Amino acid sequence: MRRYDREEWAAIRARGPRAFVLRQGLLSRGLPLGALMSLVVMNIQEVPLPEGLASWSFAATLLFCIAIFTATGSMAARATWKVHEHEHGRDA
C-alpha cells in the first residue's frame, strides 16, 4: 500500500473516494494486470499468438482477468482510502 503524506492526501481526498477507487482499482490494477495475466494464461494454454488474440476464448479470459483484478484492486483501494482517512483525519 502506498503511503501519502498530508498534503498529497488532501489533494487526493478533494477528488473523492470514487475517483480514487476508479484510478487505483481499474486503471492501476484491473486493466494492466488483467491484460497481462490473460496473455500469461494464453501462453500456458499454448495458444498461438497473435492469432489467438482474435479468439472468443481470449476475449473471455481477458474479461475474466480484468474483472478479478479490478475487484481485488478496488477492495485494496477502498482499504487504502479508509487507512488514510483514519491516519490523516477527515479534516485533512
Protein backbone atom coordinates (compact mmCIF):
# COMPACT_ATOMS: atom_id res chain seq x y z
CA MET A 1 0.00 0.00 0.00
CA ARG A 2 1.33 3.39 -0.93
CA ARG A 3 1.53 5.94 1.84
CA TYR A 4 0.52 9.54 1.17
CA ASP A 5 1.63 12.50 3.23
CA ARG A 6 -0.94 15.01 4.49
CA GLU A 7 -0.63 17.39 1.51
CA GLU A 8 -0.85 14.61 -1.07
CA TRP A 9 -3.82 13.09 0.72
CA ALA A 10 -5.65 16.42 0.83
CA ALA A 11 -5.37 16.71 -2.97
CA ILE A 12 -6.47 13.09 -3.49
CA ARG A 13 -9.29 13.42 -0.97
CA ALA A 14 -10.61 16.51 -2.77
CA ARG A 15 -11.31 14.36 -5.85
CA GLY A 16 -13.29 11.92 -3.72
CA PRO A 17 -13.31 8.20 -2.99
CA ARG A 18 -14.96 7.20 -6.28
CA ALA A 19 -12.17 8.75 -8.36
CA PHE A 20 -9.53 7.20 -6.09
CA VAL A 21 -11.01 3.70 -6.31
CA LEU A 22 -11.51 4.03 -10.07
CA ARG A 23 -7.93 5.15 -10.62
CA GLN A 24 -6.34 2.64 -8.25
CA GLY A 25 -8.69 -0.30 -8.80
CA LEU A 26 -9.36 -0.17 -12.52
CA LEU A 27 -6.68 1.92 -14.17
CA SER A 28 -3.70 1.00 -12.00
CA ARG A 29 -4.51 -2.63 -11.34
CA GLY A 30 -7.51 -4.06 -13.19
CA LEU A 31 -6.68 -3.23 -16.80
CA PRO A 32 -2.89 -3.72 -16.83
CA LEU A 33 -2.78 -6.85 -14.67
CA GLY A 34 -5.87 -8.31 -16.32
CA ALA A 35 -4.36 -7.87 -19.77
CA LEU A 36 -1.01 -9.27 -18.68
CA MET A 37 -2.50 -12.29 -16.92
CA SER A 38 -4.76 -13.11 -19.87
CA LEU A 39 -1.65 -13.24 -22.07
CA VAL A 40 0.05 -15.47 -19.49
CA VAL A 41 -2.96 -17.81 -19.45
CA MET A 42 -2.99 -17.98 -23.24
CA ASN A 43 0.74 -18.75 -23.20
CA ILE A 44 0.24 -21.52 -20.60
CA GLN A 45 -2.53 -22.98 -22.78
CA GLU A 46 -0.07 -22.85 -25.70
CA VAL A 47 -2.43 -20.79 -27.87
CA PRO A 48 -0.50 -19.40 -30.86
CA LEU A 49 -0.05 -15.66 -30.72
CA PRO A 50 -1.08 -13.31 -32.32
CA GLU A 51 -3.77 -15.50 -33.95
CA GLY A 52 -5.15 -16.46 -30.55
CA LEU A 53 -5.84 -12.83 -29.67
CA ALA A 54 -8.78 -12.81 -32.10
CA SER A 55 -10.49 -15.81 -30.46
CA TRP A 56 -13.55 -15.84 -28.23
CA SER A 57 -11.50 -17.79 -25.71
CA PHE A 58 -9.05 -14.90 -25.37
CA ALA A 59 -11.90 -12.38 -25.06
CA ALA A 60 -13.49 -14.41 -22.26
CA THR A 61 -10.15 -14.85 -20.49
CA LEU A 62 -9.39 -11.15 -20.83
CA LEU A 63 -12.76 -10.09 -19.40
CA PHE A 64 -12.48 -12.57 -16.54
CA CYS A 65 -8.95 -11.46 -15.61
CA ILE A 66 -9.85 -7.77 -15.80
CA ALA A 67 -12.93 -8.36 -13.63
CA ILE A 68 -10.96 -10.26 -10.97
CA PHE A 69 -8.08 -7.77 -10.82
CA THR A 70 -10.46 -4.79 -10.85
CA ALA A 71 -12.49 -6.25 -7.99
CA THR A 72 -9.44 -7.01 -5.86
CA GLY A 73 -7.82 -3.69 -6.79
CA SER A 74 -10.97 -1.83 -5.81
CA MET A 75 -11.08 -3.60 -2.45
CA ALA A 76 -7.44 -2.70 -1.84
CA ALA A 77 -8.05 0.91 -2.90
CA ARG A 78 -11.04 1.18 -0.57
CA ALA A 79 -8.92 -0.18 2.29
CA THR A 80 -6.18 2.34 1.45
CA TRP A 81 -8.77 5.13 1.47
CA LYS A 82 -10.01 4.09 4.91
CA VAL A 83 -6.49 3.83 6.34
CA HIS A 84 -5.60 7.32 5.13
CA GLU A 85 -8.89 8.77 6.33
CA HIS A 86 -8.15 7.35 9.77
CA GLU A 87 -4.48 8.38 9.68
CA HIS A 88 -4.93 11.94 8.41
CA GLY A 89 -8.37 12.56 9.81
CA ARG A 90 -11.45 13.60 7.92
CA ASP A 91 -10.46 17.26 8.13
CA ALA A 92 -7.32 16.77 6.00
